Each structure stands twice: as C-alpha cells, then as structure tokens.
Amino acid sequence: MKGLSVLFLDDNYLSGSISTSVGKLSNLSRLTLSDNEMTGSIPSEIGEMSNLVMLWLFNNALTGSIPTSFSKLSSLQILKLENNFLTGALPSALYSLSSLQVLGVAGNSDLSGSLNGINGLTSLKELYIGYTSISGVIPASIAACGDLMVFSAPEAKLSSSIPSSMGSLSSLVALDLGNSGLSGPIPSTLGRLGSLEDVVLSKNEFTGVIPDEIWEGWVKAKKVDFSENSFSSESGLPISIGNWKVSSMLSHCFYRIDNGMFM
C-alpha cells in the first residue's frame, strides 16, 4: 500500500497502539485515527511522512510526549491531538511549521510548554490549547499569526496580561481565555478586532475600565463573557453598545462584570 494517499479510520472502536510501520506510508497525505480507543505513544516514525497534510489523533487514550520528529512535517496543515493523555512539553520545534493552519492539543491536562516561538506559525488559523498545562505569557509576537481566526485557551496556565499587539489580529472571530491566569487591563487595541463574534475573558484578574474602543469596535459580537474579574466600578454599558448585533444571551448572562458592580 505504498501508493496510499488517504487513510480514514476514525470512529471505529479501534484499540491498541499505533504501529511504527505507519511511517512507511510515505505517500500518505491524510491520516485520521480520531475517536477510537488507541493507547500507547505516538510513533516518532510519523515524522518521516513528508507528504502528510492532515493528522487527526484526537479523542483517544494516547500517552507520552509529542514526537519532536513532527518538526520534519513541512507540508502539515492540520494537527489535532486533543483529548488524550499526552505529557511532556509541546515541542518548540513545531513552531517552525510555517504551513500549519490548525494546531489542537486541548484536553491534555499534563501537556506543558509555552507559546514562545509561535510567530513561526505564519499560516495559523486555529489554535486550541485549553485545559492543558501550557504556561507563560502570550508573546507580543503572536501578531505574526495574521490569519488567526480562533484562539482558544480556557483553563490554560497563562500569566501576565494580554499583549496590545493582539489588536492586529484582524481575522480573529473567537477568543476564549477564560480562567487562564491572566491579569492587568484589557488593551484598548482589542477594539480593532471588528470580526470578533465570541469572546470569553471570564474568571481572570483583569482590572481597570473596559475600554470604550471595545464597545465601539466589537460590532459583530454575539457572545461576550467578562464575568468574575476585578474591573473598576466605572465600567458600564455606553451608548455605543447599541451598534452591536448581539444575541439575547448577551444581556441575559454573558455580559457580566461581577466585581465591577455592574450586572
């Protein structure tokens, strides 16, 4: 089967480990083994599959670390490893994959690492790192990911504040940083993100006043959750919020500034 280019085996109740011989499928461009009962570690031999464009291994019971050999997959566009039991650090070498568009490692609670070097993912559109132990700051260099549409990091182990450079991510549609350890003021530059529809910044330690630029700029917002932070009591709803095309959920439960005395 050396000429095989596509292999879909997802959702089949498959069990056992992934054979190292899979690395011999040198022409394979798409491999899906998601939603099975696979165990053991991810074979480093997958890193030899130079034509691989898509790799789905999510929703299994895989253990061990993410192979550093994945850095050789120069054609890889989609890497989804969510909801396994992966450990160790997210290999920084992955950030050299300039063709990568989707990176999903959420739901691996013991997976560590940082976002330093993420500026190498210049084609990135979707990033899912929630419910992991990935820590550290959101680097200002994330602005290099100019096509980013989804940044999902709920319950990660981040620190410090949101960098003002995130205001240049004009394609961003969904931003979830709920309960991720962030603090400080929300940068007024986020008001430039006019494509945002879904925003969760709850359960952090954000302070200060919610910038007027946000009320003026987030005209496509459908869900906004600011709850359980430490905003100033001066934060409120300005007239400009009337420009928002929000769902009924916003006024019902998702726009909340509990500690800022506005509810």
Protein backbone atom coordinates (compact mmCIF):
# COMPACT_ATOMS: atom_id res chain seq x y z
CA MET A 1 0.00 0.00 0.00
CA LYS A 2 2.93 2.32 -0.54
CA GLY A 3 0.87 4.35 -3.00
CA LEU A 4 -1.85 5.04 -0.42
CA SER A 5 -2.50 8.78 -0.05
CA VAL A 6 -5.60 8.93 2.18
CA LEU A 7 -6.45 6.71 5.17
CA PHE A 8 -9.55 7.47 7.26
CA LEU A 9 -10.01 5.15 10.27
CA ASP A 10 -11.76 7.49 12.69
CA ASP A 11 -14.70 6.43 14.89
CA ASN A 12 -14.16 2.69 14.56
CA TYR A 13 -13.60 1.46 18.14
CA LEU A 14 -10.02 0.63 17.21
CA SER A 15 -7.75 -0.22 20.14
CA GLY A 16 -4.11 -0.96 20.76
CA SER A 17 -1.10 1.08 19.77
CA ILE A 18 -0.30 2.87 16.52
CA SER A 19 2.16 0.72 14.62
CA THR A 20 5.56 2.22 13.89
CA SER A 21 5.21 0.83 10.37
CA VAL A 22 2.76 3.63 9.59
CA GLY A 23 5.84 5.72 8.89
CA LYS A 24 6.46 3.63 5.76
CA LEU A 25 3.35 5.09 4.12
CA SER A 26 5.47 7.79 2.57
CA ASN A 27 2.79 9.00 0.13
CA LEU A 28 0.10 9.41 2.75
CA SER A 29 -1.30 12.95 2.90
CA ARG A 30 -4.25 12.43 5.26
CA LEU A 31 -4.44 10.13 8.27
CA THR A 32 -7.34 10.07 10.72
CA LEU A 33 -7.44 7.79 13.75
CA SER A 34 -9.61 10.03 15.92
CA ASP A 35 -12.49 8.87 18.13
CA ASN A 36 -11.07 5.42 18.76
CA GLU A 37 -9.52 3.70 21.78
CA MET A 38 -5.89 3.90 20.74
CA THR A 39 -3.30 3.64 23.51
CA GLY A 40 0.45 3.90 23.84
CA SER A 41 2.65 6.63 22.48
CA ILE A 42 2.62 8.42 19.14
CA PRO A 43 5.28 6.81 16.93
CA SER A 44 8.14 9.12 16.06
CA GLU A 45 8.13 7.45 12.63
CA ILE A 46 5.14 9.59 11.68
CA GLY A 47 7.66 12.39 11.38
CA GLU A 48 9.07 10.65 8.30
CA MET A 49 5.77 11.01 6.39
CA SER A 50 6.92 14.01 4.41
CA ASN A 51 3.69 14.34 2.38
CA LEU A 52 1.39 14.43 5.40
CA VAL A 53 -1.04 17.35 5.28
CA MET A 54 -3.60 16.30 7.90
CA LEU A 55 -3.19 14.22 11.08
CA TRP A 56 -6.14 13.55 13.38
CA LEU A 57 -5.39 11.61 16.58
CA PHE A 58 -7.86 13.33 18.91
CA ASN A 59 -10.25 11.58 21.33
CA ASN A 60 -8.13 8.53 22.10
CA ALA A 61 -6.09 7.44 25.13
CA LEU A 62 -2.62 8.16 23.78
CA THR A 63 0.18 8.78 26.26
CA GLY A 64 3.74 10.02 26.24
CA SER A 65 5.14 13.09 24.54
CA ILE A 66 4.53 14.65 21.15
CA PRO A 67 7.42 13.46 18.97
CA THR A 68 9.95 16.14 18.12
CA SER A 69 10.19 14.46 14.71
CA PHE A 70 6.90 16.19 13.84
CA SER A 71 9.04 19.24 13.10
CA LYS A 72 10.00 17.49 9.83
CA LEU A 73 6.41 17.55 8.57
CA SER A 74 6.89 20.63 6.46
CA SER A 75 3.65 20.08 4.49
CA LEU A 76 1.45 19.60 7.58
CA GLN A 77 -1.57 21.90 7.70
CA ILE A 78 -3.79 20.29 10.35
CA LEU A 79 -2.58 18.66 13.58
CA LYS A 80 -5.29 17.64 16.03
CA LEU A 81 -4.24 15.80 19.18
CA GLU A 82 -6.97 16.89 21.59
CA ASN A 83 -8.36 14.85 24.49
CA ASN A 84 -5.64 12.31 25.05
CA PHE A 85 -3.23 11.83 27.97
CA LEU A 86 -0.16 13.39 26.40
CA THR A 87 2.59 14.65 28.70
CA GLY A 88 5.88 16.48 28.47
CA ALA A 89 6.38 19.78 26.72
CA LEU A 90 4.84 20.91 23.47
CA PRO A 91 7.90 20.72 21.19
CA SER A 92 9.03 24.23 20.35
CA ALA A 93 10.18 22.83 17.02
CA LEU A 94 6.53 22.62 15.98
CA TYR A 95 6.57 26.40 15.71
CA SER A 96 8.77 26.06 12.64
CA LEU A 97 5.90 24.51 10.64
CA SER A 98 5.05 27.53 8.53
CA SER A 99 2.30 25.62 6.64
CA LEU A 100 0.39 24.65 9.80
CA GLN A 101 -3.11 26.11 9.86
CA VAL A 102 -4.74 24.22 12.75
CA LEU A 103 -3.00 23.18 15.97
CA GLY A 104 -5.13 21.40 18.55
CA VAL A 105 -3.73 19.98 21.80
CA ALA A 106 -6.56 20.92 24.19
CA GLY A 107 -7.68 18.47 26.84
CA ASN A 108 -4.21 17.05 27.57
CA SER A 109 -4.04 18.26 31.14
CA ASP A 110 -0.39 17.37 31.75
CA LEU A 111 0.94 18.78 28.50
CA SER A 112 3.26 21.69 29.27
CA GLY A 113 5.31 24.14 27.26
CA SER A 114 4.86 27.74 26.21
CA LEU A 115 3.81 29.90 23.29
CA ASN A 116 7.30 31.30 22.77
CA GLY A 117 8.11 30.93 19.10
CA ILE A 118 4.51 30.88 17.93
CA ASN A 119 5.37 33.67 15.49
CA GLY A 120 6.82 30.93 13.29
CA LEU A 121 3.31 29.66 12.57
CA THR A 122 2.62 32.32 9.98
CA SER A 123 -0.25 30.35 8.37
CA LEU A 124 -2.03 29.52 11.63
CA LYS A 125 -5.82 29.96 11.61
CA GLU A 126 -6.95 27.96 14.65
CA LEU A 127 -5.15 27.37 17.97
CA TYR A 128 -6.61 25.16 20.72
CA ILE A 129 -4.54 24.85 23.91
CA GLY A 130 -7.25 24.89 26.60
CA TYR A 131 -7.27 22.53 29.58
CA THR A 132 -3.52 21.95 29.36
CA SER A 133 -0.55 23.00 31.48
CA ILE A 134 0.87 25.25 28.78
CA SER A 135 2.11 28.29 30.66
CA GLY A 136 3.81 31.64 30.43
CA VAL A 137 2.87 34.84 28.68
CA ILE A 138 1.07 35.36 25.41
CA PRO A 139 4.02 36.73 23.45
CA ALA A 140 3.67 40.01 21.60
CA SER A 141 4.98 38.17 18.56
CA ILE A 142 1.62 36.40 18.21
CA ALA A 143 0.82 39.32 15.92
CA ALA A 144 2.80 37.45 13.25
CA CYS A 145 -0.08 34.95 13.08
CA GLY A 146 -2.05 37.39 10.99
CA ASP A 147 -4.58 34.82 9.69
CA LEU A 148 -5.56 33.59 13.17
CA MET A 149 -9.33 33.17 13.45
CA VAL A 150 -9.70 31.09 16.64
CA PHE A 151 -7.59 31.38 19.80
CA SER A 152 -8.94 29.02 22.45
CA ALA A 153 -7.05 28.68 25.75
CA PRO A 154 -9.60 28.19 28.56
CA GLU A 155 -8.06 26.91 31.79
CA ALA A 156 -4.52 27.00 30.47
CA LYS A 157 -1.76 28.20 32.81
CA LEU A 158 -1.00 31.54 31.21
CA SER A 159 0.26 34.59 33.07
CA SER A 160 0.67 38.33 32.82
CA SER A 161 -1.55 40.44 30.57
CA ILE A 162 -2.96 40.35 27.06
CA PRO A 163 -0.39 41.96 24.74
CA SER A 164 -1.60 45.03 22.90
CA SER A 165 -0.25 43.51 19.68
CA MET A 166 -3.22 41.12 19.64
CA GLY A 167 -5.19 44.07 18.32
CA SER A 168 -3.61 43.46 14.94
CA LEU A 169 -5.22 40.01 14.57
CA SER A 170 -7.96 41.38 12.35
CA SER A 171 -9.25 37.94 11.27
CA LEU A 172 -9.98 36.80 14.84
CA VAL A 173 -13.55 35.54 15.22
CA ALA A 174 -13.38 33.58 18.51
CA LEU A 175 -11.26 34.35 21.57
CA ASP A 176 -11.52 32.19 24.70
CA LEU A 177 -9.12 32.98 27.52
CA GLY A 178 -11.46 32.06 30.35
CA ASN A 179 -9.85 31.10 33.68
CA SER A 180 -6.40 31.12 32.15
CA GLY A 181 -4.45 33.09 34.78
CA LEU A 182 -4.33 36.46 33.03
CA SER A 183 -4.37 39.86 34.73
CA GLY A 184 -3.98 43.57 34.17
CA PRO A 185 -6.03 45.87 31.98
CA ILE A 186 -7.63 44.82 28.72
CA PRO A 187 -5.76 46.61 25.92
CA SER A 188 -7.78 49.21 24.04
CA THR A 189 -6.26 47.82 20.84
CA LEU A 190 -8.60 44.82 21.09
CA GLY A 191 -11.30 47.20 19.94
CA ARG A 192 -9.81 46.91 16.46
CA LEU A 193 -10.97 43.28 16.27
CA GLY A 194 -14.16 44.06 14.41
CA SER A 195 -14.67 40.44 13.29
CA LEU A 196 -14.97 39.05 16.83
CA GLU A 197 -18.19 37.14 17.47
CA ASP A 198 -17.43 35.02 20.53
CA VAL A 199 -15.32 36.35 23.44
CA VAL A 200 -14.72 34.70 26.82
CA LEU A 201 -12.41 36.51 29.23
CA SER A 202 -14.10 35.37 32.45
CA LYS A 203 -12.51 34.15 35.69
CA ASN A 204 -9.24 36.03 35.36
CA GLU A 205 -7.85 39.02 37.26
CA PHE A 206 -8.44 41.74 34.70
CA THR A 207 -8.55 45.21 36.19
CA GLY A 208 -9.28 48.79 35.21
CA VAL A 209 -12.06 50.01 32.96
CA ILE A 210 -13.27 48.13 29.91
CA PRO A 211 -12.02 50.35 27.06
CA ASP A 212 -14.54 52.38 25.08
CA GLU A 213 -12.84 51.11 21.93
CA ILE A 214 -14.23 47.63 22.65
CA TRP A 215 -17.81 48.87 22.83
CA GLU A 216 -17.28 50.79 19.63
CA GLY A 217 -15.37 48.11 17.74
CA TRP A 218 -16.96 44.75 18.52
CA VAL A 219 -19.98 45.34 16.32
CA LYS A 220 -20.34 41.66 15.32
CA ALA A 221 -20.22 40.28 18.86
CA LYS A 222 -22.75 37.57 19.66
CA LYS A 223 -21.39 36.36 22.99
CA VAL A 224 -19.19 38.29 25.42
CA ASP A 225 -18.30 36.99 28.89
CA PHE A 226 -16.34 39.34 31.17
CA SER A 227 -17.64 37.79 34.41
CA GLU A 228 -15.63 37.14 37.59
CA ASN A 229 -12.84 39.64 37.07
CA SER A 230 -11.84 42.75 39.03
CA PHE A 231 -12.96 45.53 36.73
CA SER A 232 -13.47 49.04 38.02
CA SER A 233 -16.96 50.07 39.11
CA GLU A 234 -16.67 52.75 36.41
CA SER A 235 -17.11 50.05 33.76
CA GLY A 236 -20.56 50.10 32.28
CA LEU A 237 -22.59 49.98 29.11
CA PRO A 238 -22.02 53.03 26.91
CA ILE A 239 -24.36 54.21 24.20
CA SER A 240 -22.13 52.69 21.53
CA ILE A 241 -23.15 49.18 22.53
CA GLY A 242 -26.31 49.86 20.58
CA ASN A 243 -24.30 49.15 17.44
CA TRP A 244 -23.75 45.54 18.50
CA LYS A 245 -25.74 42.81 16.79
CA VAL A 246 -25.77 40.64 19.89
CA SER A 247 -27.81 37.59 20.75
CA SER A 248 -30.26 37.58 23.64
CA MET A 249 -27.69 35.58 25.65
CA LEU A 250 -25.51 38.66 25.98
CA SER A 251 -27.93 40.63 28.10
CA HIS A 252 -29.16 37.55 29.91
CA CYS A 253 -25.98 36.07 31.26
CA PHE A 254 -22.84 36.62 29.25
CA TYR A 255 -22.26 40.31 29.74
CA ARG A 256 -21.39 40.42 33.41
CA ILE A 257 -18.87 42.44 35.36
CA ASP A 258 -19.50 40.86 38.74
CA ASN A 259 -16.72 42.55 40.65
CA GLY A 260 -17.25 45.84 38.89
CA MET A 261 -20.71 46.21 40.40
CA PHE A 262 -22.45 46.09 37.02
CA MET A 263 -24.69 43.12 36.26
